[in-house]
Amino acid sequence: MTITVTITVTITVTITVYATVTITQKKKKKERKERSKEKEIKKNKKIYNIYTCAFRCKPLSDPW
């Protein structure tokens, strides 16, 4: 009787821990993807701003 209860509890705890770890890892992976997307967007925006300024702004060496 005690052996059956012990085995059942052990299996339940193992499954719970495994599920928790899996869910946590998936969340972390998703967060990393979102952060990398945000970084990519910021980088692209920065490059865009540099190029648009280069075309719009007048260089300092340019005569009036």
C-alpha atoms as a PDB file:
ATOM      1  CA  MET A   1       0.000   0.000   0.000  1.00  0.00           C
ATOM      2  CA  THR A   2       2.703   2.514   0.976  1.00  0.00           C
ATOM      3  CA  ILE A   3       4.840   1.501  -1.994  1.00  0.00           C
ATOM      4  CA  THR A   4       1.963   2.227  -4.404  1.00  0.00           C
ATOM      5  CA  VAL A   5       1.301   5.623  -2.811  1.00  0.00           C
ATOM      6  CA  THR A   6       5.008   6.471  -2.881  1.00  0.00           C
ATOM      7  CA  ILE A   7       5.313   5.508  -6.562  1.00  0.00           C
ATOM      8  CA  THR A   8       2.170   7.480  -7.459  1.00  0.00           C
ATOM      9  CA  VAL A   9       3.373  10.577  -5.603  1.00  0.00           C
ATOM     10  CA  THR A  10       6.825  10.289  -7.173  1.00  0.00           C
ATOM     11  CA  ILE A  11       5.367  10.037 -10.687  1.00  0.00           C
ATOM     12  CA  THR A  12       3.000  12.971 -10.060  1.00  0.00           C
ATOM     13  CA  VAL A  13       5.790  15.175  -8.722  1.00  0.00           C
ATOM     14  CA  THR A  14       8.070  14.224 -11.616  1.00  0.00           C
ATOM     15  CA  ILE A  15       5.407  15.087 -14.200  1.00  0.00           C
ATOM     16  CA  THR A  16       4.619  18.387 -12.461  1.00  0.00           C
ATOM     17  CA  VAL A  17       8.275  19.416 -12.298  1.00  0.00           C
ATOM     18  CA  TYR A  18       8.844  18.417 -15.940  1.00  0.00           C
ATOM     19  CA  ALA A  19       5.790  20.401 -17.076  1.00  0.00           C
ATOM     20  CA  THR A  20       6.844  23.460 -15.072  1.00  0.00           C
ATOM     21  CA  VAL A  21      10.380  23.382 -16.465  1.00  0.00           C
ATOM     22  CA  THR A  22       9.121  22.929 -20.033  1.00  0.00           C
ATOM     23  CA  ILE A  23       6.675  25.839 -19.735  1.00  0.00           C
ATOM     24  CA  THR A  24       9.360  28.070 -18.215  1.00  0.00           C
ATOM     25  CA  GLN A  25      11.822  27.239 -21.001  1.00  0.00           C
ATOM     26  CA  LYS A  26       9.223  27.975 -23.678  1.00  0.00           C
ATOM     27  CA  LYS A  27       8.429  31.337 -22.074  1.00  0.00           C
ATOM     28  CA  LYS A  28      12.118  32.255 -21.900  1.00  0.00           C
ATOM     29  CA  LYS A  29      12.636  31.246 -25.532  1.00  0.00           C
ATOM     30  CA  LYS A  30       9.652  33.351 -26.597  1.00  0.00           C
ATOM     31  CA  GLU A  31      10.938  36.343 -24.601  1.00  0.00           C
ATOM     32  CA  ARG A  32      14.380  36.008 -26.217  1.00  0.00           C
ATOM     33  CA  LYS A  33      12.781  35.993 -29.671  1.00  0.00           C
ATOM     34  CA  GLU A  34      10.759  39.101 -28.841  1.00  0.00           C
ATOM     35  CA  ARG A  35      13.831  40.912 -27.504  1.00  0.00           C
ATOM     36  CA  SER A  36      15.844  40.041 -30.600  1.00  0.00           C
ATOM     37  CA  LYS A  37      13.003  41.324 -32.800  1.00  0.00           C
ATOM     38  CA  GLU A  38      12.945  44.581 -30.827  1.00  0.00           C
ATOM     39  CA  LYS A  39      16.720  44.935 -31.194  1.00  0.00           C
ATOM     40  CA  GLU A  40      16.444  44.305 -34.951  1.00  0.00           C
ATOM     41  CA  ILE A  41      13.721  46.940 -35.282  1.00  0.00           C
ATOM     42  CA  LYS A  42      15.785  49.481 -33.317  1.00  0.00           C
ATOM     43  CA  LYS A  43      18.857  48.704 -35.441  1.00  0.00           C
ATOM     44  CA  ASN A  44      16.911  49.102 -38.683  1.00  0.00           C
ATOM     45  CA  LYS A  45      15.362  52.342 -37.458  1.00  0.00           C
ATOM     46  CA  LYS A  46      18.815  53.678 -36.555  1.00  0.00           C
ATOM     47  CA  ILE A  47      20.211  52.781 -40.002  1.00  0.00           C
ATOM     48  CA  TYR A  48      17.174  54.379 -41.658  1.00  0.00           C
ATOM     49  CA  ASN A  49      17.637  57.570 -39.624  1.00  0.00           C
ATOM     50  CA  ILE A  50      21.330  57.771 -40.553  1.00  0.00           C
ATOM     51  CA  TYR A  51      20.585  57.407 -44.274  1.00  0.00           C
ATOM     52  CA  THR A  52      17.653  59.827 -44.310  1.00  0.00           C
ATOM     53  CA  CYS A  53      19.701  62.400 -42.419  1.00  0.00           C
ATOM     54  CA  ALA A  54      22.575  61.933 -44.870  1.00  0.00           C
ATOM     55  CA  PHE A  55      20.249  62.783 -47.748  1.00  0.00           C
ATOM     56  CA  ARG A  56      18.377  65.574 -45.975  1.00  0.00           C
ATOM     57  CA  CYS A  57      21.129  67.229 -43.959  1.00  0.00           C
ATOM     58  CA  LYS A  58      23.665  69.417 -45.682  1.00  0.00           C
ATOM     59  CA  PRO A  59      27.292  68.389 -45.152  1.00  0.00           C
ATOM     60  CA  LEU A  60      29.431  70.923 -43.287  1.00  0.00           C
ATOM     61  CA  SER A  61      31.960  71.177 -46.116  1.00  0.00           C
ATOM     62  CA  ASP A  62      29.237  72.092 -48.614  1.00  0.00           C
ATOM     63  CA  PRO A  63      29.486  75.746 -49.708  1.00  0.00           C
ATOM     64  CA  TRP A  64      26.391  77.952 -49.422  1.00  0.00           C
END
